[in-house]
Amino acid sequence: MTAEDYALAQAVITAALVATVLRLLKFFRLPGLSLRDWFTLLDLLFPYVEEARTRSAELARRFYDQQRQLHRPDQPRHDLFLAGYRPDWFREAMEPARQAMTRAGASESAVAEVALRAATQVENGGRRTQLRAVDSDPVVVGWARVATGRETCAFCLMLVSRGPVYVSAEGAGLDTDDTTAHDLIATGDKAALDELMTRWHPGCDCKVVPVFNRADWPGRDAFLRARRIWAEHTQGHTGTAKLNAFRRALDSGTVDIPAMSLAA
């Protein structure tokens, strides 16, 4: 399974879930949806989200296993549990969409936000499974965030351009201790950057891919292009001005988004 195959299979899972959510939401576009009705809606949606999320986790597990076998055929299979899910986690994740949905005559954008947030929870089943594997696997050197080119924004591409998040200084190929490596890997606060790497906006379809070889991993060519394009359009800027400058370049059409994604 290639990274492109993985992304396509995940897109099929997510699209089916979104279609189900939109179909069920038709019955809840009431004049002033009550809090009780909102929780009833979430209880109705949860089994569908949980099932799709489990399928995402299983797909991610297959992709991880195949990548591991490709790069480390000498190693036995690395066992791990799939990322689980609970109704209270789903309620918490959907809370930002509640206010708009409980207004009289919920707008199309409110309905779309519910669907997009549900889709993100499904995608996270795969992401969390990959991240858990990386955290516990002694032979992997790190993981990377890759864009598909379908639902990719400036924030996503900024993180894609950062490249892999390495488990240790040794994994990054740096002959130094981890503290020094942090300064070499990123000029900013690495802990903050690592935390940003695991943020996914509603509707985001970025993928987590394992890195077993620093010179050969899914999406590496797209990362190199993203790093170059990011540098070109943010030169001379600092802080949040970098992201704003990059966003303007994307909006102007001068940046080829597919060139920085798996679609390239």
Protein backbone atom coordinates (compact mmCIF):
# COMPACT_ATOMS: atom_id res chain seq x y z
CA MET A 1 0.00 0.00 0.00
CA THR A 2 1.49 3.34 -1.05
CA ALA A 3 0.84 6.56 0.83
CA GLU A 4 -1.42 7.61 -2.04
CA ASP A 5 -3.39 4.36 -1.71
CA TYR A 6 -3.64 4.93 2.03
CA ALA A 7 -4.92 8.49 1.57
CA LEU A 8 -7.48 7.39 -1.02
CA ALA A 9 -8.79 4.54 1.15
CA GLN A 10 -9.11 6.92 4.09
CA ALA A 11 -10.95 9.44 1.91
CA VAL A 12 -13.54 6.76 1.05
CA ILE A 13 -14.12 6.02 4.75
CA THR A 14 -14.43 9.70 5.62
CA ALA A 15 -16.72 10.54 2.69
CA ALA A 16 -19.12 7.76 3.65
CA LEU A 17 -19.27 9.04 7.23
CA VAL A 18 -19.87 12.64 6.10
CA ALA A 19 -22.73 11.49 3.85
CA THR A 20 -24.32 9.69 6.80
CA VAL A 21 -23.93 12.70 9.09
CA LEU A 22 -25.50 15.06 6.56
CA ARG A 23 -28.40 12.67 6.03
CA LEU A 24 -29.12 12.45 9.76
CA LEU A 25 -28.72 16.19 10.29
CA LYS A 26 -31.74 16.84 8.07
CA PHE A 27 -33.94 15.68 10.94
CA PHE A 28 -32.33 18.03 13.46
CA ARG A 29 -32.51 21.37 11.68
CA LEU A 30 -35.21 22.52 14.06
CA PRO A 31 -36.22 26.07 15.03
CA GLY A 32 -34.01 26.42 18.09
CA LEU A 33 -32.49 22.98 18.63
CA SER A 34 -32.58 22.31 22.38
CA LEU A 35 -29.61 21.08 24.38
CA ARG A 36 -31.42 17.79 24.88
CA ASP A 37 -31.94 17.44 21.13
CA TRP A 38 -28.26 18.25 20.56
CA PHE A 39 -27.16 15.43 22.84
CA THR A 40 -29.69 13.12 21.19
CA LEU A 41 -28.10 13.97 17.85
CA LEU A 42 -24.63 13.19 19.17
CA ASP A 43 -25.82 9.90 20.64
CA LEU A 44 -27.28 9.03 17.25
CA LEU A 45 -24.09 9.98 15.40
CA PHE A 46 -21.61 8.34 17.76
CA PRO A 47 -21.98 4.69 16.60
CA TYR A 48 -21.39 5.74 12.98
CA VAL A 49 -18.39 7.86 13.93
CA GLU A 50 -16.97 5.11 16.14
CA GLU A 51 -17.32 2.50 13.39
CA ALA A 52 -15.67 4.73 10.78
CA ARG A 53 -12.95 5.71 13.24
CA THR A 54 -12.22 2.03 13.92
CA ARG A 55 -11.94 1.39 10.19
CA SER A 56 -9.51 4.33 9.97
CA ALA A 57 -7.44 2.88 12.80
CA GLU A 58 -7.35 -0.55 11.14
CA LEU A 59 -6.32 1.02 7.83
CA ALA A 60 -3.56 2.99 9.53
CA ARG A 61 -2.34 -0.15 11.24
CA ARG A 62 -2.07 -1.98 7.90
CA PHE A 63 -0.19 0.94 6.37
CA TYR A 64 2.21 1.12 9.32
CA ASP A 65 2.85 -2.63 9.22
CA GLN A 66 3.57 -2.56 5.49
CA GLN A 67 5.94 0.39 5.81
CA ARG A 68 7.74 -1.34 8.67
CA GLN A 69 8.04 -4.58 6.71
CA LEU A 70 9.37 -2.64 3.71
CA HIS A 71 12.12 -0.88 5.65
CA ARG A 72 12.81 -3.38 8.44
CA PRO A 73 12.02 -6.87 7.13
CA ASP A 74 14.44 -8.28 9.70
CA GLN A 75 12.21 -7.20 12.59
CA PRO A 76 9.17 -9.05 14.00
CA ARG A 77 5.75 -7.40 13.88
CA HIS A 78 5.27 -4.60 16.40
CA ASP A 79 2.03 -5.25 18.28
CA LEU A 80 -0.11 -2.42 19.59
CA PHE A 81 -3.72 -1.64 20.41
CA LEU A 82 -5.76 0.44 18.00
CA ALA A 83 -6.73 3.92 19.15
CA GLY A 84 -10.04 3.69 21.03
CA TYR A 85 -12.86 6.23 21.38
CA ARG A 86 -15.53 7.20 23.91
CA PRO A 87 -18.85 9.10 23.75
CA ASP A 88 -17.61 11.79 26.16
CA TRP A 89 -14.62 12.46 23.92
CA PHE A 90 -16.97 12.84 20.97
CA ARG A 91 -19.17 15.28 22.87
CA GLU A 92 -16.16 17.36 23.81
CA ALA A 93 -14.87 17.41 20.23
CA MET A 94 -18.26 18.48 18.86
CA GLU A 95 -18.95 21.17 21.47
CA PRO A 96 -17.63 24.07 19.32
CA ALA A 97 -20.36 23.29 16.74
CA ARG A 98 -23.22 23.26 19.25
CA GLN A 99 -23.95 26.98 19.50
CA ALA A 100 -24.47 27.47 15.77
CA MET A 101 -26.63 24.34 15.49
CA THR A 102 -28.88 25.38 18.39
CA ARG A 103 -29.72 28.76 16.87
CA ALA A 104 -33.11 29.12 15.20
CA GLY A 105 -32.78 27.94 11.59
CA ALA A 106 -29.27 26.48 11.62
CA SER A 107 -27.32 27.68 8.59
CA GLU A 108 -25.66 25.49 5.99
CA SER A 109 -22.29 26.47 7.47
CA ALA A 110 -23.41 25.21 10.90
CA VAL A 111 -24.44 21.89 9.39
CA ALA A 112 -21.15 21.69 7.50
CA GLU A 113 -19.17 22.32 10.67
CA VAL A 114 -20.84 19.38 12.41
CA ALA A 115 -19.98 17.13 9.47
CA LEU A 116 -16.39 18.39 9.27
CA ARG A 117 -15.79 17.96 12.99
CA ALA A 118 -17.17 14.43 12.85
CA ALA A 119 -14.90 13.73 9.88
CA THR A 120 -11.88 14.95 11.84
CA GLN A 121 -12.67 12.50 14.63
CA VAL A 122 -12.77 9.69 12.09
CA GLU A 123 -9.44 10.75 10.56
CA ASN A 124 -7.95 10.94 14.05
CA GLY A 125 -8.50 7.22 14.50
CA GLY A 126 -5.79 6.62 11.92
CA ARG A 127 -3.56 9.44 13.11
CA ARG A 128 -3.63 8.37 16.75
CA THR A 129 -2.94 4.76 15.83
CA GLN A 130 0.12 5.79 13.82
CA LEU A 131 1.37 8.08 16.60
CA ARG A 132 0.93 5.37 19.23
CA ALA A 133 2.91 2.98 17.06
CA VAL A 134 5.73 5.51 16.67
CA ASP A 135 5.78 6.17 20.41
CA SER A 136 6.21 2.49 21.27
CA ASP A 137 8.19 1.07 18.34
CA PRO A 138 11.94 0.90 19.05
CA VAL A 139 12.96 0.72 15.37
CA VAL A 140 11.08 3.73 13.96
CA VAL A 141 12.97 7.05 13.86
CA GLY A 142 9.98 9.39 13.77
CA TRP A 143 6.87 10.46 11.90
CA ALA A 144 5.85 13.11 9.41
CA ARG A 145 2.74 15.04 8.55
CA VAL A 146 1.86 14.88 4.86
CA ALA A 147 -0.83 16.73 2.92
CA THR A 148 -3.17 15.15 0.38
CA GLY A 149 -3.78 18.35 -1.60
CA ARG A 150 -7.56 18.02 -1.21
CA GLU A 151 -8.28 19.84 2.07
CA THR A 152 -4.93 21.54 2.55
CA CYS A 153 -4.54 25.04 4.01
CA ALA A 154 -1.58 27.32 4.76
CA PHE A 155 -1.39 26.07 8.34
CA CYS A 156 -1.19 22.46 7.13
CA LEU A 157 1.52 23.25 4.59
CA MET A 158 3.53 25.17 7.18
CA LEU A 159 3.64 22.01 9.30
CA VAL A 160 4.31 19.78 6.28
CA SER A 161 7.31 21.98 5.44
CA ARG A 162 8.78 21.28 8.85
CA GLY A 163 9.39 17.65 7.96
CA PRO A 164 9.64 14.67 10.30
CA VAL A 165 9.28 14.81 14.06
CA TYR A 166 12.08 12.61 15.30
CA VAL A 167 11.85 10.42 18.37
CA SER A 168 15.38 11.33 19.47
CA ALA A 169 18.54 13.12 18.41
CA GLU A 170 19.93 9.81 17.17
CA GLY A 171 16.83 9.24 15.07
CA ALA A 172 17.25 12.68 13.53
CA GLY A 173 20.76 11.76 12.49
CA LEU A 174 22.32 14.30 14.85
CA ASP A 175 25.43 13.29 16.74
CA THR A 176 24.51 15.16 19.90
CA ASP A 177 22.27 14.98 22.92
CA ASP A 178 18.52 15.63 22.65
CA THR A 179 18.67 19.08 24.23
CA THR A 180 21.16 20.32 21.65
CA ALA A 181 19.27 18.54 18.90
CA HIS A 182 16.13 20.47 19.74
CA ASP A 183 17.98 23.70 18.98
CA LEU A 184 19.25 22.30 15.69
CA ILE A 185 15.94 20.82 14.53
CA ALA A 186 13.97 24.04 15.00
CA THR A 187 14.82 27.63 15.77
CA GLY A 188 11.69 28.02 17.89
CA ASP A 189 10.28 26.17 20.88
CA LYS A 190 10.39 22.54 19.76
CA ALA A 191 7.84 21.38 22.32
CA ALA A 192 5.39 23.96 21.01
CA LEU A 193 6.14 22.98 17.41
CA ASP A 194 5.64 19.30 18.21
CA GLU A 195 2.28 20.11 19.78
CA LEU A 196 1.25 22.06 16.69
CA MET A 197 2.16 19.08 14.52
CA THR A 198 -0.69 17.11 16.11
CA ARG A 199 -3.38 19.76 15.60
CA TRP A 200 -5.97 19.07 12.94
CA HIS A 201 -8.51 21.69 11.89
CA PRO A 202 -12.11 20.62 11.09
CA GLY A 203 -12.06 18.86 7.74
CA CYS A 204 -8.27 18.48 7.74
CA ASP A 205 -7.19 15.37 5.85
CA CYS A 206 -3.44 15.50 6.51
CA LYS A 207 -1.96 12.09 7.20
CA VAL A 208 0.56 10.82 9.72
CA VAL A 209 3.20 8.59 8.12
CA PRO A 210 5.98 6.67 9.89
CA VAL A 211 9.62 7.43 9.12
CA PHE A 212 11.90 4.40 9.23
CA ASN A 213 14.59 5.85 6.96
CA ARG A 214 15.49 9.56 6.98
CA ALA A 215 16.28 9.43 3.25
CA ASP A 216 13.26 7.40 2.17
CA TRP A 217 9.77 7.88 3.58
CA PRO A 218 6.26 8.48 2.15
CA GLY A 219 5.87 12.13 1.19
CA ARG A 220 9.56 13.06 1.43
CA ASP A 221 9.71 14.62 -2.04
CA ALA A 222 6.63 16.73 -1.28
CA PHE A 223 8.21 17.81 2.02
CA LEU A 224 11.39 18.96 0.27
CA ARG A 225 9.32 21.04 -2.16
CA ALA A 226 7.22 22.44 0.68
CA ARG A 227 10.33 23.41 2.64
CA ARG A 228 11.78 25.21 -0.37
CA ILE A 229 8.52 27.01 -1.21
CA TRP A 230 7.97 28.00 2.44
CA ALA A 231 11.48 29.49 2.60
CA GLU A 232 10.98 31.41 -0.65
CA HIS A 233 7.75 33.08 0.44
CA THR A 234 8.56 33.75 4.11
CA GLN A 235 12.06 35.15 3.74
CA GLY A 236 12.41 38.39 5.68
CA HIS A 237 9.40 37.70 7.90
CA THR A 238 9.29 36.56 11.52
CA GLY A 239 6.72 35.02 13.85
CA THR A 240 3.11 34.96 12.68
CA ALA A 241 4.05 37.23 9.77
CA LYS A 242 5.63 34.18 8.15
CA LEU A 243 2.35 32.28 8.06
CA ASN A 244 0.48 35.38 6.87
CA ALA A 245 2.96 35.88 4.03
CA PHE A 246 2.67 32.23 3.05
CA ARG A 247 -1.13 32.41 3.17
CA ARG A 248 -1.09 35.43 0.85
CA ALA A 249 1.09 33.49 -1.58
CA LEU A 250 -1.39 30.60 -1.54
CA ASP A 251 -4.37 32.92 -2.02
CA SER A 252 -2.68 34.64 -4.96
CA GLY A 253 -2.35 31.36 -6.82
CA THR A 254 1.42 31.64 -7.15
CA VAL A 255 1.99 28.51 -5.05
CA ASP A 256 1.17 25.08 -6.44
CA ILE A 257 -0.46 23.24 -3.51
CA PRO A 258 -0.40 19.78 -5.15
CA ALA A 259 3.37 20.14 -5.53
CA MET A 260 3.63 20.02 -1.73
CA SER A 261 1.29 17.08 -1.29
CA LEU A 262 0.97 13.37 -2.02
CA ALA A 263 -0.85 14.35 -5.21
CA ALA A 264 2.43 15.53 -6.73
